[in-house]
Amino acid sequence: MRKFIGLGLLLGMFAVSAFAQEMATAPKAEIFGGYQYTRFDGGTNANGWNGAVTGNLNNWFGIAGDFSGAYKSQNGVSFNNYTYTFGPVVSYRHNETFTPFAHFLAGGYRASASFSGVSGSTNGFAMMFGGGVDVKATRHVGVRAIQFDWLSLHSNGNSDNNNMRISTGLLLRY
């Protein structure tokens, strides 16, 4: 975990120096909110929400915080999974209408399940790698046409690496 924090600080220092040298045509901040569909290892499908805040340090590089919640109820069992991840975002802004991006996010998650008043939960490390395409509607509003993420969850010595998440929603740019 200390390696990830050190890597994040190092990337942040390089990004700040790049920001000082380059005038960005990208929005300074982007706020995303929308729907997500998550497929967990073992075949569990969950629906929920996804939100993200990205600070763009130059025309192609930013730092994002991504937060999500996925929910499933089946046969009397309620399942919730929340993620909170952070990391670098690389965008290709050579077309005014479409902006493809890629990101690597790392952080944590909390999963819980309950059945007939009995519940349990776990916390662990979450890691996502993915990207998507944003479509410009107006100067300050866009649509995240699609975002696809591979999701890896690690807790109590167990790894769950075959998860994926698809998101879509509204994007506000400042």
N, C-alpha and C. Protein backbone atom coordinates (compact mmCIF):
# COMPACT_ATOMS: atom_id res chain seq x y z
N MET A 1 0.82 -1.18 0.00
CA MET A 1 0.00 0.00 0.00
C MET A 1 0.87 1.25 0.00
N ARG A 2 2.01 1.20 0.72
CA ARG A 2 2.91 2.35 0.75
C ARG A 2 3.48 2.63 -0.63
N LYS A 3 3.69 1.57 -1.43
CA LYS A 3 4.20 1.77 -2.79
C LYS A 3 3.20 2.55 -3.63
N PHE A 4 1.89 2.24 -3.49
CA PHE A 4 0.87 2.95 -4.26
C PHE A 4 0.78 4.41 -3.84
N ILE A 5 0.90 4.68 -2.55
CA ILE A 5 0.86 6.06 -2.07
C ILE A 5 2.07 6.82 -2.59
N GLY A 6 3.25 6.19 -2.52
CA GLY A 6 4.47 6.81 -3.03
C GLY A 6 4.38 7.09 -4.52
N LEU A 7 3.84 6.12 -5.28
CA LEU A 7 3.67 6.31 -6.71
C LEU A 7 2.71 7.45 -7.00
N GLY A 8 1.62 7.54 -6.24
CA GLY A 8 0.65 8.63 -6.42
C GLY A 8 1.27 9.99 -6.14
N LEU A 9 2.07 10.10 -5.08
CA LEU A 9 2.74 11.36 -4.78
C LEU A 9 3.74 11.74 -5.86
N LEU A 10 4.48 10.76 -6.37
CA LEU A 10 5.44 11.01 -7.43
C LEU A 10 4.74 11.50 -8.70
N LEU A 11 3.67 10.81 -9.09
CA LEU A 11 2.90 11.24 -10.26
C LEU A 11 2.33 12.64 -10.07
N GLY A 12 1.87 12.92 -8.86
CA GLY A 12 1.32 14.24 -8.56
C GLY A 12 2.35 15.34 -8.71
N MET A 13 3.59 15.11 -8.26
CA MET A 13 4.65 16.11 -8.39
C MET A 13 4.97 16.38 -9.86
N PHE A 14 5.05 15.32 -10.67
CA PHE A 14 5.31 15.51 -12.09
C PHE A 14 4.15 16.25 -12.77
N ALA A 15 2.95 15.94 -12.37
CA ALA A 15 1.78 16.57 -12.97
C ALA A 15 1.72 18.04 -12.65
N VAL A 16 2.06 18.42 -11.41
CA VAL A 16 2.05 19.83 -11.03
C VAL A 16 3.08 20.60 -11.83
N SER A 17 4.26 20.03 -12.03
CA SER A 17 5.27 20.73 -12.83
C SER A 17 4.84 20.84 -14.29
N ALA A 18 4.19 19.82 -14.81
CA ALA A 18 3.68 19.89 -16.18
C ALA A 18 2.58 20.93 -16.30
N PHE A 19 1.76 21.05 -15.29
CA PHE A 19 0.68 22.04 -15.29
C PHE A 19 1.24 23.45 -15.35
N ALA A 20 2.33 23.70 -14.65
CA ALA A 20 2.93 25.02 -14.63
C ALA A 20 3.53 25.39 -15.98
N GLN A 21 3.92 24.41 -16.79
CA GLN A 21 4.57 24.68 -18.06
C GLN A 21 3.61 24.73 -19.24
N GLU A 22 2.39 24.21 -19.10
CA GLU A 22 1.51 24.09 -20.25
C GLU A 22 0.15 24.73 -19.96
N MET A 23 -0.31 25.57 -20.87
CA MET A 23 -1.66 26.12 -20.77
C MET A 23 -2.62 25.07 -21.28
N ALA A 24 -3.54 24.66 -20.46
CA ALA A 24 -4.46 23.58 -20.83
C ALA A 24 -5.70 24.14 -21.50
N THR A 25 -6.18 23.43 -22.52
CA THR A 25 -7.46 23.75 -23.13
C THR A 25 -8.55 22.86 -22.55
N ALA A 26 -8.16 21.95 -21.70
CA ALA A 26 -9.11 21.04 -21.05
C ALA A 26 -9.81 21.78 -19.92
N PRO A 27 -11.02 21.33 -19.56
CA PRO A 27 -11.66 21.91 -18.38
C PRO A 27 -10.80 21.63 -17.15
N LYS A 28 -10.81 22.54 -16.20
CA LYS A 28 -10.02 22.35 -14.98
C LYS A 28 -10.57 21.22 -14.12
N ALA A 29 -11.90 21.07 -14.12
CA ALA A 29 -12.53 20.02 -13.31
C ALA A 29 -13.70 19.41 -14.07
N GLU A 30 -13.92 18.11 -13.84
CA GLU A 30 -15.05 17.40 -14.43
C GLU A 30 -15.73 16.60 -13.31
N ILE A 31 -17.04 16.68 -13.28
CA ILE A 31 -17.82 15.95 -12.29
C ILE A 31 -18.77 15.02 -13.03
N PHE A 32 -18.67 13.72 -12.72
CA PHE A 32 -19.48 12.70 -13.39
C PHE A 32 -20.42 12.06 -12.39
N GLY A 33 -21.63 11.79 -12.84
CA GLY A 33 -22.58 11.04 -12.03
C GLY A 33 -23.49 10.24 -12.94
N GLY A 34 -23.73 8.98 -12.56
CA GLY A 34 -24.59 8.18 -13.42
C GLY A 34 -24.82 6.78 -12.90
N TYR A 35 -25.30 5.96 -13.79
CA TYR A 35 -25.69 4.57 -13.53
C TYR A 35 -24.51 3.65 -13.76
N GLN A 36 -24.44 2.56 -12.98
CA GLN A 36 -23.44 1.52 -13.23
C GLN A 36 -24.07 0.14 -13.16
N TYR A 37 -23.56 -0.75 -13.97
CA TYR A 37 -23.88 -2.17 -13.94
C TYR A 37 -22.58 -2.88 -13.62
N THR A 38 -22.59 -3.74 -12.60
CA THR A 38 -21.40 -4.47 -12.21
C THR A 38 -21.67 -5.97 -12.26
N ARG A 39 -20.74 -6.70 -12.83
CA ARG A 39 -20.81 -8.17 -12.83
C ARG A 39 -19.64 -8.67 -12.00
N PHE A 40 -19.99 -9.31 -10.88
CA PHE A 40 -18.98 -9.83 -9.98
C PHE A 40 -18.63 -11.27 -10.35
N ASP A 41 -17.44 -11.67 -9.96
CA ASP A 41 -16.99 -13.04 -10.16
C ASP A 41 -18.00 -14.00 -9.53
N GLY A 42 -18.35 -15.05 -10.22
CA GLY A 42 -19.36 -15.98 -9.73
C GLY A 42 -20.73 -15.73 -10.34
N GLY A 43 -20.86 -14.68 -11.15
CA GLY A 43 -22.10 -14.45 -11.86
C GLY A 43 -23.10 -13.52 -11.22
N THR A 44 -22.75 -12.86 -10.12
CA THR A 44 -23.68 -11.92 -9.49
C THR A 44 -23.70 -10.62 -10.28
N ASN A 45 -24.89 -10.17 -10.68
CA ASN A 45 -25.08 -8.92 -11.40
C ASN A 45 -25.67 -7.91 -10.44
N ALA A 46 -25.14 -6.70 -10.43
CA ALA A 46 -25.63 -5.66 -9.51
C ALA A 46 -25.79 -4.35 -10.27
N ASN A 47 -26.74 -3.56 -9.83
CA ASN A 47 -26.99 -2.22 -10.39
C ASN A 47 -26.69 -1.20 -9.31
N GLY A 48 -26.38 0.03 -9.74
CA GLY A 48 -26.12 1.06 -8.75
C GLY A 48 -25.75 2.38 -9.38
N TRP A 49 -24.93 3.12 -8.68
CA TRP A 49 -24.53 4.46 -9.10
C TRP A 49 -23.00 4.55 -9.16
N ASN A 50 -22.53 5.53 -9.92
CA ASN A 50 -21.10 5.80 -10.05
C ASN A 50 -20.91 7.31 -10.10
N GLY A 51 -19.98 7.83 -9.33
CA GLY A 51 -19.66 9.25 -9.35
C GLY A 51 -18.16 9.44 -9.36
N ALA A 52 -17.70 10.50 -10.01
CA ALA A 52 -16.26 10.77 -10.08
C ALA A 52 -16.02 12.26 -10.17
N VAL A 53 -14.90 12.69 -9.62
CA VAL A 53 -14.42 14.06 -9.74
C VAL A 53 -13.01 13.98 -10.27
N THR A 54 -12.75 14.72 -11.36
CA THR A 54 -11.43 14.72 -11.98
C THR A 54 -10.90 16.13 -12.04
N GLY A 55 -9.69 16.33 -11.57
CA GLY A 55 -8.98 17.60 -11.73
C GLY A 55 -7.97 17.43 -12.84
N ASN A 56 -8.14 18.20 -13.92
CA ASN A 56 -7.24 18.10 -15.06
C ASN A 56 -6.05 19.02 -14.86
N LEU A 57 -4.86 18.48 -14.86
CA LEU A 57 -3.65 19.25 -14.63
C LEU A 57 -3.08 19.84 -15.91
N ASN A 58 -3.41 19.24 -17.04
CA ASN A 58 -3.06 19.80 -18.34
C ASN A 58 -4.07 19.25 -19.35
N ASN A 59 -3.75 19.34 -20.63
CA ASN A 59 -4.68 18.94 -21.68
C ASN A 59 -4.91 17.43 -21.74
N TRP A 60 -3.99 16.63 -21.21
CA TRP A 60 -4.09 15.18 -21.35
C TRP A 60 -4.02 14.40 -20.04
N PHE A 61 -3.68 15.03 -18.92
CA PHE A 61 -3.46 14.31 -17.67
C PHE A 61 -4.28 14.91 -16.53
N GLY A 62 -4.91 14.04 -15.75
CA GLY A 62 -5.67 14.48 -14.59
C GLY A 62 -5.60 13.46 -13.46
N ILE A 63 -6.13 13.85 -12.31
CA ILE A 63 -6.22 12.98 -11.15
C ILE A 63 -7.70 12.85 -10.80
N ALA A 64 -8.17 11.61 -10.60
CA ALA A 64 -9.60 11.36 -10.37
C ALA A 64 -9.82 10.68 -9.03
N GLY A 65 -10.98 10.96 -8.47
CA GLY A 65 -11.52 10.22 -7.34
C GLY A 65 -12.84 9.62 -7.80
N ASP A 66 -12.98 8.32 -7.70
CA ASP A 66 -14.15 7.60 -8.22
C ASP A 66 -14.83 6.87 -7.05
N PHE A 67 -16.15 7.03 -6.96
CA PHE A 67 -16.93 6.44 -5.87
C PHE A 67 -18.13 5.74 -6.48
N SER A 68 -18.47 4.54 -5.95
CA SER A 68 -19.60 3.82 -6.52
C SER A 68 -20.28 2.95 -5.48
N GLY A 69 -21.51 2.61 -5.79
CA GLY A 69 -22.29 1.68 -4.97
C GLY A 69 -23.05 0.73 -5.88
N ALA A 70 -22.98 -0.57 -5.58
CA ALA A 70 -23.67 -1.60 -6.36
C ALA A 70 -24.53 -2.41 -5.41
N TYR A 71 -25.76 -2.73 -5.84
CA TYR A 71 -26.74 -3.37 -4.96
C TYR A 71 -27.40 -4.55 -5.66
N LYS A 72 -27.67 -5.60 -4.88
CA LYS A 72 -28.36 -6.78 -5.40
C LYS A 72 -29.16 -7.40 -4.26
N SER A 73 -30.42 -7.73 -4.53
CA SER A 73 -31.26 -8.48 -3.59
C SER A 73 -31.79 -9.70 -4.32
N GLN A 74 -31.59 -10.88 -3.71
CA GLN A 74 -32.03 -12.11 -4.34
C GLN A 74 -32.28 -13.15 -3.25
N ASN A 75 -33.43 -13.81 -3.31
CA ASN A 75 -33.80 -14.87 -2.37
C ASN A 75 -33.68 -14.43 -0.91
N GLY A 76 -34.03 -13.18 -0.63
CA GLY A 76 -33.99 -12.68 0.73
C GLY A 76 -32.64 -12.18 1.20
N VAL A 77 -31.63 -12.28 0.35
CA VAL A 77 -30.29 -11.81 0.70
C VAL A 77 -30.06 -10.46 0.01
N SER A 78 -29.65 -9.46 0.80
CA SER A 78 -29.30 -8.14 0.26
C SER A 78 -27.80 -7.98 0.27
N PHE A 79 -27.24 -7.59 -0.87
CA PHE A 79 -25.80 -7.42 -1.03
C PHE A 79 -25.51 -5.99 -1.45
N ASN A 80 -24.52 -5.35 -0.81
CA ASN A 80 -24.07 -4.00 -1.16
C ASN A 80 -22.55 -4.00 -1.33
N ASN A 81 -22.07 -3.26 -2.32
CA ASN A 81 -20.63 -3.12 -2.51
C ASN A 81 -20.34 -1.65 -2.83
N TYR A 82 -19.47 -1.03 -2.04
CA TYR A 82 -19.08 0.36 -2.24
C TYR A 82 -17.59 0.42 -2.53
N THR A 83 -17.19 1.22 -3.54
CA THR A 83 -15.78 1.41 -3.85
C THR A 83 -15.42 2.88 -3.73
N TYR A 84 -14.20 3.14 -3.35
CA TYR A 84 -13.65 4.50 -3.30
C TYR A 84 -12.20 4.39 -3.77
N THR A 85 -11.96 4.87 -4.99
CA THR A 85 -10.65 4.71 -5.63
C THR A 85 -10.15 6.04 -6.19
N PHE A 86 -8.84 6.14 -6.35
CA PHE A 86 -8.20 7.37 -6.81
C PHE A 86 -7.05 7.02 -7.73
N GLY A 87 -6.76 7.92 -8.69
CA GLY A 87 -5.62 7.67 -9.55
C GLY A 87 -5.56 8.55 -10.77
N PRO A 88 -4.58 8.30 -11.64
CA PRO A 88 -4.36 9.12 -12.83
C PRO A 88 -5.34 8.79 -13.96
N VAL A 89 -5.65 9.83 -14.74
CA VAL A 89 -6.50 9.71 -15.94
C VAL A 89 -5.74 10.34 -17.10
N VAL A 90 -5.69 9.63 -18.22
CA VAL A 90 -5.08 10.14 -19.43
C VAL A 90 -6.17 10.29 -20.47
N SER A 91 -6.29 11.51 -21.05
CA SER A 91 -7.34 11.80 -22.03
C SER A 91 -6.72 12.18 -23.37
N TYR A 92 -7.42 11.86 -24.44
CA TYR A 92 -6.99 12.21 -25.80
C TYR A 92 -7.95 13.27 -26.31
N ARG A 93 -7.58 14.55 -26.21
CA ARG A 93 -8.46 15.67 -26.51
C ARG A 93 -8.17 16.32 -27.86
N HIS A 94 -8.04 15.53 -28.90
CA HIS A 94 -7.76 16.09 -30.21
C HIS A 94 -9.01 16.24 -31.07
N ASN A 95 -10.16 15.89 -30.53
CA ASN A 95 -11.44 16.08 -31.20
C ASN A 95 -12.34 16.78 -30.20
N GLU A 96 -12.95 17.88 -30.59
CA GLU A 96 -13.76 18.67 -29.66
C GLU A 96 -15.01 17.94 -29.19
N THR A 97 -15.54 17.03 -29.99
CA THR A 97 -16.79 16.35 -29.66
C THR A 97 -16.58 15.10 -28.80
N PHE A 98 -15.58 14.30 -29.12
CA PHE A 98 -15.35 13.03 -28.43
C PHE A 98 -14.02 13.07 -27.68
N THR A 99 -14.03 12.62 -26.42
CA THR A 99 -12.82 12.57 -25.61
C THR A 99 -12.65 11.16 -25.04
N PRO A 100 -11.85 10.31 -25.67
CA PRO A 100 -11.55 9.01 -25.07
C PRO A 100 -10.58 9.19 -23.90
N PHE A 101 -10.69 8.31 -22.91
CA PHE A 101 -9.80 8.40 -21.74
C PHE A 101 -9.50 7.01 -21.22
N ALA A 102 -8.42 6.92 -20.46
CA ALA A 102 -8.04 5.68 -19.77
C ALA A 102 -7.62 6.07 -18.36
N HIS A 103 -7.85 5.15 -17.41
CA HIS A 103 -7.47 5.45 -16.03
C HIS A 103 -7.05 4.18 -15.29
N PHE A 104 -6.25 4.40 -14.26
CA PHE A 104 -5.87 3.36 -13.30
C PHE A 104 -6.23 3.90 -11.93
N LEU A 105 -7.11 3.22 -11.22
CA LEU A 105 -7.60 3.69 -9.93
C LEU A 105 -7.35 2.64 -8.86
N ALA A 106 -6.94 3.07 -7.70
CA ALA A 106 -6.70 2.16 -6.58
C ALA A 106 -7.23 2.80 -5.31
N GLY A 107 -7.73 1.96 -4.42
CA GLY A 107 -8.26 2.45 -3.16
C GLY A 107 -8.83 1.32 -2.35
N GLY A 108 -10.08 1.45 -1.94
CA GLY A 108 -10.69 0.44 -1.10
C GLY A 108 -12.12 0.13 -1.47
N TYR A 109 -12.66 -0.85 -0.78
CA TYR A 109 -14.07 -1.21 -0.96
C TYR A 109 -14.63 -1.73 0.34
N ARG A 110 -15.95 -1.70 0.43
CA ARG A 110 -16.68 -2.28 1.55
C ARG A 110 -17.84 -3.07 0.98
N ALA A 111 -17.89 -4.34 1.31
CA ALA A 111 -18.97 -5.22 0.86
C ALA A 111 -19.73 -5.71 2.09
N SER A 112 -21.04 -5.78 1.97
CA SER A 112 -21.85 -6.28 3.08
C SER A 112 -23.02 -7.09 2.51
N ALA A 113 -23.48 -8.02 3.32
CA ALA A 113 -24.64 -8.85 2.97
C ALA A 113 -25.47 -9.06 4.22
N SER A 114 -26.79 -9.15 4.02
CA SER A 114 -27.68 -9.41 5.16
C SER A 114 -28.79 -10.36 4.73
N PHE A 115 -29.22 -11.17 5.70
CA PHE A 115 -30.28 -12.13 5.48
C PHE A 115 -31.03 -12.32 6.79
N SER A 116 -32.31 -12.04 6.81
CA SER A 116 -33.18 -12.23 7.99
C SER A 116 -32.60 -11.60 9.25
N GLY A 117 -32.11 -10.38 9.14
CA GLY A 117 -31.59 -9.67 10.30
C GLY A 117 -30.17 -9.99 10.67
N VAL A 118 -29.53 -10.95 10.00
CA VAL A 118 -28.13 -11.29 10.24
C VAL A 118 -27.30 -10.67 9.11
N SER A 119 -26.23 -9.97 9.50
CA SER A 119 -25.43 -9.32 8.47
C SER A 119 -23.95 -9.51 8.74
N GLY A 120 -23.18 -9.31 7.69
CA GLY A 120 -21.73 -9.37 7.77
C GLY A 120 -21.13 -8.44 6.74
N SER A 121 -19.90 -8.02 6.97
CA SER A 121 -19.26 -7.11 6.03
C SER A 121 -17.76 -7.34 6.02
N THR A 122 -17.12 -6.84 4.98
CA THR A 122 -15.67 -6.90 4.87
C THR A 122 -15.18 -5.64 4.17
N ASN A 123 -13.97 -5.26 4.46
CA ASN A 123 -13.30 -4.14 3.81
C ASN A 123 -12.04 -4.67 3.16
N GLY A 124 -11.60 -4.02 2.08
CA GLY A 124 -10.39 -4.47 1.43
C GLY A 124 -9.88 -3.49 0.41
N PHE A 125 -8.92 -3.95 -0.36
CA PHE A 125 -8.26 -3.16 -1.40
C PHE A 125 -8.98 -3.34 -2.72
N ALA A 126 -9.24 -2.25 -3.42
CA ALA A 126 -9.89 -2.28 -4.74
C ALA A 126 -8.95 -1.63 -5.76
N MET A 127 -8.93 -2.19 -6.96
CA MET A 127 -8.12 -1.66 -8.04
C MET A 127 -8.93 -1.76 -9.33
N MET A 128 -8.92 -0.69 -10.13
CA MET A 128 -9.64 -0.65 -11.40
C MET A 128 -8.72 -0.17 -12.51
N PHE A 129 -8.90 -0.76 -13.67
CA PHE A 129 -8.22 -0.31 -14.88
C PHE A 129 -9.26 -0.27 -15.98
N GLY A 130 -9.36 0.84 -16.67
CA GLY A 130 -10.36 0.94 -17.73
C GLY A 130 -10.30 2.26 -18.43
N GLY A 131 -11.44 2.63 -18.99
CA GLY A 131 -11.55 3.88 -19.73
C GLY A 131 -12.90 4.01 -20.35
N GLY A 132 -13.02 5.00 -21.22
CA GLY A 132 -14.30 5.24 -21.85
C GLY A 132 -14.24 6.39 -22.83
N VAL A 133 -15.43 6.90 -23.19
CA VAL A 133 -15.56 8.00 -24.13
C VAL A 133 -16.59 8.99 -23.60
N ASP A 134 -16.18 10.28 -23.53
CA ASP A 134 -17.09 11.36 -23.19
C ASP A 134 -17.49 12.09 -24.46
N VAL A 135 -18.76 12.48 -24.55
CA VAL A 135 -19.28 13.19 -25.72
C VAL A 135 -19.74 14.57 -25.27
N LYS A 136 -19.27 15.60 -25.96
CA LYS A 136 -19.61 16.97 -25.62
C LYS A 136 -21.03 17.29 -26.08
N ALA A 137 -21.85 17.85 -25.16
CA ALA A 137 -23.19 18.33 -25.52
C ALA A 137 -23.16 19.85 -25.63
N THR A 138 -22.64 20.53 -24.61
CA THR A 138 -22.42 21.98 -24.62
C THR A 138 -21.04 22.22 -24.04
N ARG A 139 -20.69 23.48 -23.88
CA ARG A 139 -19.36 23.80 -23.34
C ARG A 139 -19.16 23.22 -21.94
N HIS A 140 -20.20 23.22 -21.11
CA HIS A 140 -20.07 22.77 -19.72
C HIS A 140 -20.77 21.45 -19.42
N VAL A 141 -21.42 20.86 -20.40
CA VAL A 141 -22.16 19.61 -20.16
C VAL A 141 -21.76 18.58 -21.21
N GLY A 142 -21.59 17.37 -20.75
CA GLY A 142 -21.28 16.26 -21.64
C GLY A 142 -21.98 15.00 -21.16
N VAL A 143 -21.84 13.95 -21.95
CA VAL A 143 -22.40 12.65 -21.61
C VAL A 143 -21.25 11.65 -21.62
N ARG A 144 -21.15 10.88 -20.58
CA ARG A 144 -20.20 9.76 -20.59
C ARG A 144 -20.91 8.63 -21.31
N ALA A 145 -20.61 8.49 -22.60
CA ALA A 145 -21.30 7.50 -23.43
C ALA A 145 -21.09 6.10 -22.87
N ILE A 146 -19.87 5.81 -22.48
CA ILE A 146 -19.57 4.51 -21.87
C ILE A 146 -18.26 4.61 -21.10
N GLN A 147 -18.23 3.90 -20.00
CA GLN A 147 -17.00 3.70 -19.22
C GLN A 147 -16.97 2.22 -18.86
N PHE A 148 -15.87 1.58 -19.16
CA PHE A 148 -15.71 0.16 -18.86
C PHE A 148 -14.51 -0.01 -17.94
N ASP A 149 -14.67 -0.75 -16.84
CA ASP A 149 -13.58 -0.97 -15.90
C ASP A 149 -13.47 -2.45 -15.54
N TRP A 150 -12.25 -2.94 -15.51
CA TRP A 150 -11.94 -4.23 -14.91
C TRP A 150 -11.70 -3.93 -13.44
N LEU A 151 -12.29 -4.71 -12.55
CA LEU A 151 -12.27 -4.44 -11.11
C LEU A 151 -11.67 -5.63 -10.37
N SER A 152 -10.67 -5.36 -9.55
CA SER A 152 -10.04 -6.39 -8.73
C SER A 152 -10.24 -6.04 -7.26
N LEU A 153 -10.70 -7.03 -6.47
CA LEU A 153 -10.96 -6.82 -5.05
C LEU A 153 -10.11 -7.80 -4.24
N HIS A 154 -9.45 -7.30 -3.18
CA HIS A 154 -8.59 -8.12 -2.33
C HIS A 154 -8.96 -7.88 -0.88
N SER A 155 -9.26 -8.97 -0.14
CA SER A 155 -9.63 -8.85 1.27
C SER A 155 -9.34 -10.15 2.00
N ASN A 156 -8.77 -10.05 3.18
CA ASN A 156 -8.54 -11.21 4.05
C ASN A 156 -7.80 -12.34 3.35
N GLY A 157 -6.83 -12.01 2.52
CA GLY A 157 -6.05 -13.02 1.83
C GLY A 157 -6.71 -13.59 0.59
N ASN A 158 -7.91 -13.14 0.25
CA ASN A 158 -8.62 -13.61 -0.94
C ASN A 158 -8.60 -12.55 -2.02
N SER A 159 -8.49 -12.99 -3.27
CA SER A 159 -8.54 -12.08 -4.41
C SER A 159 -9.70 -12.46 -5.30
N ASP A 160 -10.38 -11.45 -5.79
CA ASP A 160 -11.52 -11.61 -6.70
C ASP A 160 -11.21 -10.74 -7.91
N ASN A 161 -10.66 -11.34 -8.96
CA ASN A 161 -10.14 -10.57 -10.09
C ASN A 161 -11.02 -10.57 -11.33
N ASN A 162 -12.11 -11.28 -11.35
CA ASN A 162 -12.92 -11.38 -12.57
C ASN A 162 -14.21 -10.58 -12.44
N ASN A 163 -14.07 -9.30 -12.17
CA ASN A 163 -15.21 -8.39 -12.04
C ASN A 163 -15.12 -7.33 -13.12
N MET A 164 -16.26 -6.83 -13.56
CA MET A 164 -16.25 -5.73 -14.52
C MET A 164 -17.41 -4.79 -14.21
N ARG A 165 -17.21 -3.54 -14.61
CA ARG A 165 -18.19 -2.49 -14.34
C ARG A 165 -18.37 -1.66 -15.60
N ILE A 166 -19.62 -1.36 -15.94
CA ILE A 166 -19.94 -0.48 -17.06
C ILE A 166 -20.76 0.68 -16.50
N SER A 167 -20.38 1.92 -16.86
CA SER A 167 -21.08 3.10 -16.36
C SER A 167 -21.44 4.03 -17.51
N THR A 168 -22.48 4.82 -17.29
CA THR A 168 -22.89 5.87 -18.21
C THR A 168 -23.59 6.95 -17.42
N GLY A 169 -23.55 8.19 -17.90
CA GLY A 169 -24.22 9.26 -17.16
C GLY A 169 -23.87 10.63 -17.66
N LEU A 170 -24.10 11.63 -16.80
CA LEU A 170 -23.93 13.04 -17.11
C LEU A 170 -22.57 13.53 -16.62
N LEU A 171 -21.96 14.43 -17.40
CA LEU A 171 -20.65 14.97 -17.08
C LEU A 171 -20.74 16.50 -17.09
N LEU A 172 -20.35 17.11 -15.97
CA LEU A 172 -20.31 18.57 -15.87
C LEU A 172 -18.86 19.00 -15.91
N ARG A 173 -18.57 20.05 -16.72
CA ARG A 173 -17.19 20.51 -16.91
C ARG A 173 -17.06 21.97 -16.47
N TYR A 174 -15.97 22.27 -15.75
CA TYR A 174 -15.74 23.64 -15.27
C TYR A 174 -14.36 24.11 -15.65
